Amino acid sequence: ERLKANPLGIYVNAINWSREMGQ
Protein backbone atom coordinates (compact mmCIF):
# COMPACT_ATOMS: atom_id res chain seq x y z
CA GLU A 1 0.00 0.00 0.00
CA ARG A 2 2.91 2.31 0.66
CA LEU A 3 4.12 1.99 -2.94
CA LYS A 4 0.66 2.91 -4.22
CA ALA A 5 0.89 6.17 -2.29
CA ASN A 6 4.39 6.76 -3.67
CA PRO A 7 4.39 7.35 -7.45
CA LEU A 8 8.14 7.91 -7.30
CA GLY A 9 8.64 4.59 -5.54
CA ILE A 10 6.70 2.79 -8.26
CA TYR A 11 8.77 4.55 -10.93
CA VAL A 12 12.07 3.53 -9.32
CA ASN A 13 10.80 -0.01 -8.71
CA ALA A 14 9.79 -0.31 -12.36
CA ILE A 15 13.26 0.80 -13.48
CA ASN A 16 14.96 -1.73 -11.21
CA TRP A 17 12.62 -4.47 -12.42
CA SER A 18 13.30 -3.60 -16.07
CA ARG A 19 17.05 -3.59 -15.40
CA GLU A 20 16.92 -7.07 -13.87
CA MET A 21 14.84 -8.36 -16.77
CA GLY A 22 17.23 -6.72 -19.23
CA GLN A 23 20.21 -8.48 -17.72
PDB file of N, CA and C in Angstrom:
ATOM      1  N   GLU A   1       0.837  -1.207   0.000  1.00  0.00           N
ATOM      2  CA  GLU A   1       0.000   0.000   0.000  1.00  0.00           C
ATOM      3  C   GLU A   1       0.869   1.253   0.000  1.00  0.00           C
ATOM      4  N   ARG A   2       2.026   1.149   0.593  1.00  0.00           N
ATOM      5  CA  ARG A   2       2.913   2.313   0.658  1.00  0.00           C
ATOM      6  C   ARG A   2       3.383   2.702  -0.746  1.00  0.00           C
ATOM      7  N   LEU A   3       3.658   1.694  -1.575  1.00  0.00           N
ATOM      8  CA  LEU A   3       4.117   1.993  -2.935  1.00  0.00           C
ATOM      9  C   LEU A   3       3.021   2.699  -3.719  1.00  0.00           C
ATOM     10  N   LYS A   4       1.773   2.290  -3.489  1.00  0.00           N
ATOM     11  CA  LYS A   4       0.657   2.912  -4.220  1.00  0.00           C
ATOM     12  C   LYS A   4       0.579   4.398  -3.905  1.00  0.00           C
ATOM     13  N   ALA A   5       0.960   4.758  -2.691  1.00  0.00           N
ATOM     14  CA  ALA A   5       0.888   6.171  -2.289  1.00  0.00           C
ATOM     15  C   ALA A   5       2.156   6.904  -2.715  1.00  0.00           C
ATOM     16  N   ASN A   6       3.118   6.148  -3.259  1.00  0.00           N
ATOM     17  CA  ASN A   6       4.391   6.759  -3.668  1.00  0.00           C
ATOM     18  C   ASN A   6       4.632   6.544  -5.159  1.00  0.00           C
ATOM     19  N   PRO A   7       4.167   7.472  -5.992  1.00  0.00           N
ATOM     20  CA  PRO A   7       4.393   7.345  -7.449  1.00  0.00           C
ATOM     21  C   PRO A   7       5.871   7.212  -7.771  1.00  0.00           C
ATOM     22  N   LEU A   8       6.701   7.957  -7.050  1.00  0.00           N
ATOM     23  CA  LEU A   8       8.142   7.910  -7.300  1.00  0.00           C
ATOM     24  C   LEU A   8       8.680   6.517  -6.984  1.00  0.00           C
ATOM     25  N   GLY A   9       8.191   5.927  -5.918  1.00  0.00           N
ATOM     26  CA  GLY A   9       8.637   4.586  -5.539  1.00  0.00           C
ATOM     27  C   GLY A   9       8.299   3.574  -6.622  1.00  0.00           C
ATOM     28  N   ILE A  10       7.102   3.707  -7.191  1.00  0.00           N
ATOM     29  CA  ILE A  10       6.699   2.788  -8.260  1.00  0.00           C
ATOM     30  C   ILE A  10       7.604   2.978  -9.472  1.00  0.00           C
ATOM     31  N   TYR A  11       7.913   4.236  -9.773  1.00  0.00           N
ATOM     32  CA  TYR A  11       8.768   4.554 -10.928  1.00  0.00           C
ATOM     33  C   TYR A  11      10.146   3.914 -10.755  1.00  0.00           C
ATOM     34  N   VAL A  12      10.735   4.096  -9.580  1.00  0.00           N
ATOM     35  CA  VAL A  12      12.068   3.530  -9.319  1.00  0.00           C
ATOM     36  C   VAL A  12      12.001   2.010  -9.348  1.00  0.00           C
ATOM     37  N   ASN A  13      10.946   1.445  -8.748  1.00  0.00           N
ATOM     38  CA  ASN A  13      10.800  -0.006  -8.710  1.00  0.00           C
ATOM     39  C   ASN A  13      10.681  -0.567 -10.120  1.00  0.00           C
ATOM     40  N   ALA A  14       9.958   0.144 -10.974  1.00  0.00           N
ATOM     41  CA  ALA A  14       9.786  -0.308 -12.361  1.00  0.00           C
ATOM     42  C   ALA A  14      11.129  -0.300 -13.087  1.00  0.00           C
ATOM     43  N   ILE A  15      11.941   0.709 -12.832  1.00  0.00           N
ATOM     44  CA  ILE A  15      13.260   0.796 -13.481  1.00  0.00           C
ATOM     45  C   ILE A  15      14.139  -0.370 -13.026  1.00  0.00           C
ATOM     46  N   ASN A  16      14.142  -0.634 -11.731  1.00  0.00           N
ATOM     47  CA  ASN A  16      14.964  -1.728 -11.211  1.00  0.00           C
ATOM     48  C   ASN A  16      14.496  -3.059 -11.784  1.00  0.00           C
ATOM     49  N   TRP A  17      13.166  -3.231 -11.888  1.00  0.00           N
ATOM     50  CA  TRP A  17      12.618  -4.470 -12.425  1.00  0.00           C
ATOM     51  C   TRP A  17      13.028  -4.640 -13.882  1.00  0.00           C
ATOM     52  N   SER A  18      12.932  -3.557 -14.648  1.00  0.00           N
ATOM     53  CA  SER A  18      13.301  -3.601 -16.068  1.00  0.00           C
ATOM     54  C   SER A  18      14.788  -3.913 -16.213  1.00  0.00           C
ATOM     55  N   ARG A  19      15.588  -3.359 -15.327  1.00  0.00           N
ATOM     56  CA  ARG A  19      17.045  -3.593 -15.397  1.00  0.00           C
ATOM     57  C   ARG A  19      17.337  -5.068 -15.153  1.00  0.00           C
ATOM     58  N   GLU A  20      16.684  -5.659 -14.166  1.00  0.00           N
ATOM     59  CA  GLU A  20      16.920  -7.071 -13.870  1.00  0.00           C
ATOM     60  C   GLU A  20      16.467  -7.935 -15.041  1.00  0.00           C
ATOM     61  N   MET A  21      15.352  -7.587 -15.641  1.00  0.00           N
ATOM     62  CA  MET A  21      14.844  -8.360 -16.770  1.00  0.00           C
ATOM     63  C   MET A  21      15.758  -8.178 -17.974  1.00  0.00           C
ATOM     64  N   GLY A  22      16.328  -6.988 -18.120  1.00  0.00           N
ATOM     65  CA  GLY A  22      17.233  -6.716 -19.234  1.00  0.00           C
ATOM     66  C   GLY A  22      18.498  -7.547 -19.120  1.00  0.00           C
ATOM     67  N   GLN A  23      18.994  -7.704 -17.914  1.00  0.00           N
ATOM     68  CA  GLN A  23      20.207  -8.483 -17.716  1.00  0.00           C
ATOM     69  C   GLN A  23      19.886  -9.962 -17.851  1.00  0.00           C
TER      70      GLN A  23
END
